[in-house]
N, C-alpha and C. Protein backbone atom coordinates (compact mmCIF):
# COMPACT_ATOMS: atom_id res chain seq x y z
N UNK A 1 0.83 -1.17 0.00
CA UNK A 1 0.00 0.00 0.00
C UNK A 1 0.89 1.24 0.00
N UNK A 2 0.44 2.27 -0.68
CA UNK A 2 1.19 3.52 -0.78
C UNK A 2 0.52 4.59 0.08
N UNK A 3 1.32 5.55 0.49
CA UNK A 3 0.79 6.76 1.12
C UNK A 3 1.36 7.95 0.39
N UNK A 4 0.64 9.06 0.45
CA UNK A 4 1.00 10.24 -0.32
C UNK A 4 1.06 11.47 0.58
N UNK A 5 1.86 12.42 0.16
CA UNK A 5 2.00 13.68 0.88
C UNK A 5 2.02 14.79 -0.17
N UNK A 6 1.25 15.85 0.07
CA UNK A 6 1.24 17.01 -0.81
C UNK A 6 1.86 18.17 -0.05
N UNK A 7 2.88 18.77 -0.64
CA UNK A 7 3.60 19.87 -0.01
C UNK A 7 3.46 21.10 -0.90
N UNK A 8 3.01 22.20 -0.31
CA UNK A 8 2.96 23.46 -1.05
C UNK A 8 4.32 24.13 -0.96
N UNK A 9 4.85 24.47 -2.11
CA UNK A 9 6.17 25.07 -2.18
C UNK A 9 6.02 26.57 -2.31
N UNK A 10 6.64 27.31 -1.39
CA UNK A 10 6.61 28.77 -1.44
C UNK A 10 7.87 29.25 -2.12
N UNK A 11 7.72 29.74 -3.31
CA UNK A 11 8.89 30.19 -4.07
C UNK A 11 9.33 31.56 -3.55
N UNK A 12 10.61 31.66 -3.31
CA UNK A 12 11.18 32.91 -2.85
C UNK A 12 12.10 33.50 -3.91
N UNK A 13 12.67 34.61 -3.59
CA UNK A 13 13.53 35.28 -4.56
C UNK A 13 14.96 34.76 -4.48
N UNK A 14 15.49 34.62 -3.28
CA UNK A 14 16.90 34.23 -3.15
C UNK A 14 17.03 32.77 -2.74
N UNK A 15 18.04 32.12 -3.28
CA UNK A 15 18.38 30.73 -2.94
C UNK A 15 17.23 29.75 -3.14
N UNK A 16 16.32 30.05 -4.08
CA UNK A 16 15.16 29.19 -4.28
C UNK A 16 15.55 27.77 -4.67
N UNK A 17 16.49 27.62 -5.60
CA UNK A 17 16.89 26.28 -6.03
C UNK A 17 17.52 25.49 -4.89
N UNK A 18 18.34 26.12 -4.10
CA UNK A 18 18.99 25.43 -2.98
C UNK A 18 17.96 25.02 -1.93
N UNK A 19 16.99 25.89 -1.63
CA UNK A 19 15.95 25.56 -0.66
C UNK A 19 15.10 24.41 -1.16
N UNK A 20 14.76 24.41 -2.44
CA UNK A 20 13.98 23.32 -3.01
C UNK A 20 14.76 22.02 -2.95
N UNK A 21 16.04 22.07 -3.30
CA UNK A 21 16.90 20.89 -3.25
C UNK A 21 16.97 20.33 -1.83
N UNK A 22 17.12 21.19 -0.86
CA UNK A 22 17.18 20.75 0.54
C UNK A 22 15.87 20.11 0.98
N UNK A 23 14.75 20.69 0.58
CA UNK A 23 13.44 20.13 0.92
C UNK A 23 13.26 18.75 0.31
N UNK A 24 13.60 18.60 -0.96
CA UNK A 24 13.48 17.30 -1.63
C UNK A 24 14.37 16.26 -0.96
N UNK A 25 15.58 16.64 -0.61
CA UNK A 25 16.50 15.70 0.05
C UNK A 25 16.01 15.29 1.43
N UNK A 26 15.41 16.22 2.17
CA UNK A 26 14.87 15.90 3.49
C UNK A 26 13.77 14.85 3.40
N UNK A 27 12.88 15.01 2.44
CA UNK A 27 11.81 14.03 2.26
C UNK A 27 12.37 12.70 1.75
N UNK A 28 13.36 12.74 0.90
CA UNK A 28 13.96 11.51 0.37
C UNK A 28 14.58 10.68 1.49
N UNK A 29 15.20 11.33 2.45
CA UNK A 29 15.80 10.62 3.59
C UNK A 29 14.73 9.84 4.36
N UNK A 30 13.51 10.37 4.38
CA UNK A 30 12.40 9.72 5.08
C UNK A 30 11.68 8.69 4.21
N UNK A 31 12.20 8.43 3.02
CA UNK A 31 11.61 7.41 2.16
C UNK A 31 10.62 7.92 1.13
N UNK A 32 10.41 9.23 1.09
CA UNK A 32 9.47 9.80 0.11
C UNK A 32 10.16 9.98 -1.23
N UNK A 33 9.39 9.81 -2.31
CA UNK A 33 9.92 10.10 -3.64
C UNK A 33 8.91 10.98 -4.36
N UNK A 34 9.41 11.90 -5.15
CA UNK A 34 8.56 12.82 -5.90
C UNK A 34 7.89 12.06 -7.03
N UNK A 35 6.57 12.22 -7.14
CA UNK A 35 5.87 11.61 -8.27
C UNK A 35 5.26 12.66 -9.18
N UNK A 36 5.13 13.90 -8.68
CA UNK A 36 4.57 14.96 -9.53
C UNK A 36 4.92 16.32 -8.96
N UNK A 37 5.21 17.26 -9.84
CA UNK A 37 5.40 18.66 -9.46
C UNK A 37 4.38 19.47 -10.25
N UNK A 38 3.45 20.08 -9.54
CA UNK A 38 2.42 20.91 -10.17
C UNK A 38 2.93 22.34 -10.21
N UNK A 39 3.48 22.72 -11.33
CA UNK A 39 4.13 24.02 -11.44
C UNK A 39 3.18 25.19 -11.26
N UNK A 40 1.97 25.08 -11.78
CA UNK A 40 1.02 26.19 -11.70
C UNK A 40 0.58 26.49 -10.27
N UNK A 41 0.49 25.45 -9.45
CA UNK A 41 0.03 25.64 -8.08
C UNK A 41 1.17 25.52 -7.07
N UNK A 42 2.39 25.29 -7.54
CA UNK A 42 3.58 25.16 -6.69
C UNK A 42 3.40 24.08 -5.62
N UNK A 43 2.90 22.92 -6.06
CA UNK A 43 2.73 21.79 -5.15
C UNK A 43 3.59 20.63 -5.61
N UNK A 44 4.12 19.90 -4.63
CA UNK A 44 4.93 18.72 -4.89
C UNK A 44 4.20 17.54 -4.27
N UNK A 45 4.04 16.47 -5.03
CA UNK A 45 3.37 15.27 -4.52
C UNK A 45 4.42 14.18 -4.34
N UNK A 46 4.47 13.64 -3.11
CA UNK A 46 5.41 12.59 -2.76
C UNK A 46 4.65 11.29 -2.53
N UNK A 47 5.36 10.18 -2.68
CA UNK A 47 4.80 8.85 -2.47
C UNK A 47 5.83 8.00 -1.75
N UNK A 48 5.34 7.08 -0.90
CA UNK A 48 6.22 6.07 -0.30
C UNK A 48 5.37 4.87 0.11
N UNK A 49 6.03 3.75 0.34
CA UNK A 49 5.34 2.56 0.82
C UNK A 49 4.89 2.79 2.26
N UNK A 50 3.64 2.50 2.54
CA UNK A 50 3.11 2.72 3.87
C UNK A 50 3.70 1.75 4.89
N UNK A 51 3.89 0.53 4.50
CA UNK A 51 4.41 -0.50 5.42
C UNK A 51 5.88 -0.74 5.16
N UNK A 52 6.68 0.29 5.32
CA UNK A 52 8.12 0.14 5.01
C UNK A 52 8.89 -0.29 6.20
């Protein structure tokens, strides 16, 4: 079974790429993987196995 997480990304002016990279890496450490990035709404959808 899978579980999902939706994260709203707040784009800033400075260091935006580095902040996004850090956020993605933090979730990856917890077993989440990106399955979709909704550019228009600035949302990132993550997925992972629920029974890991």
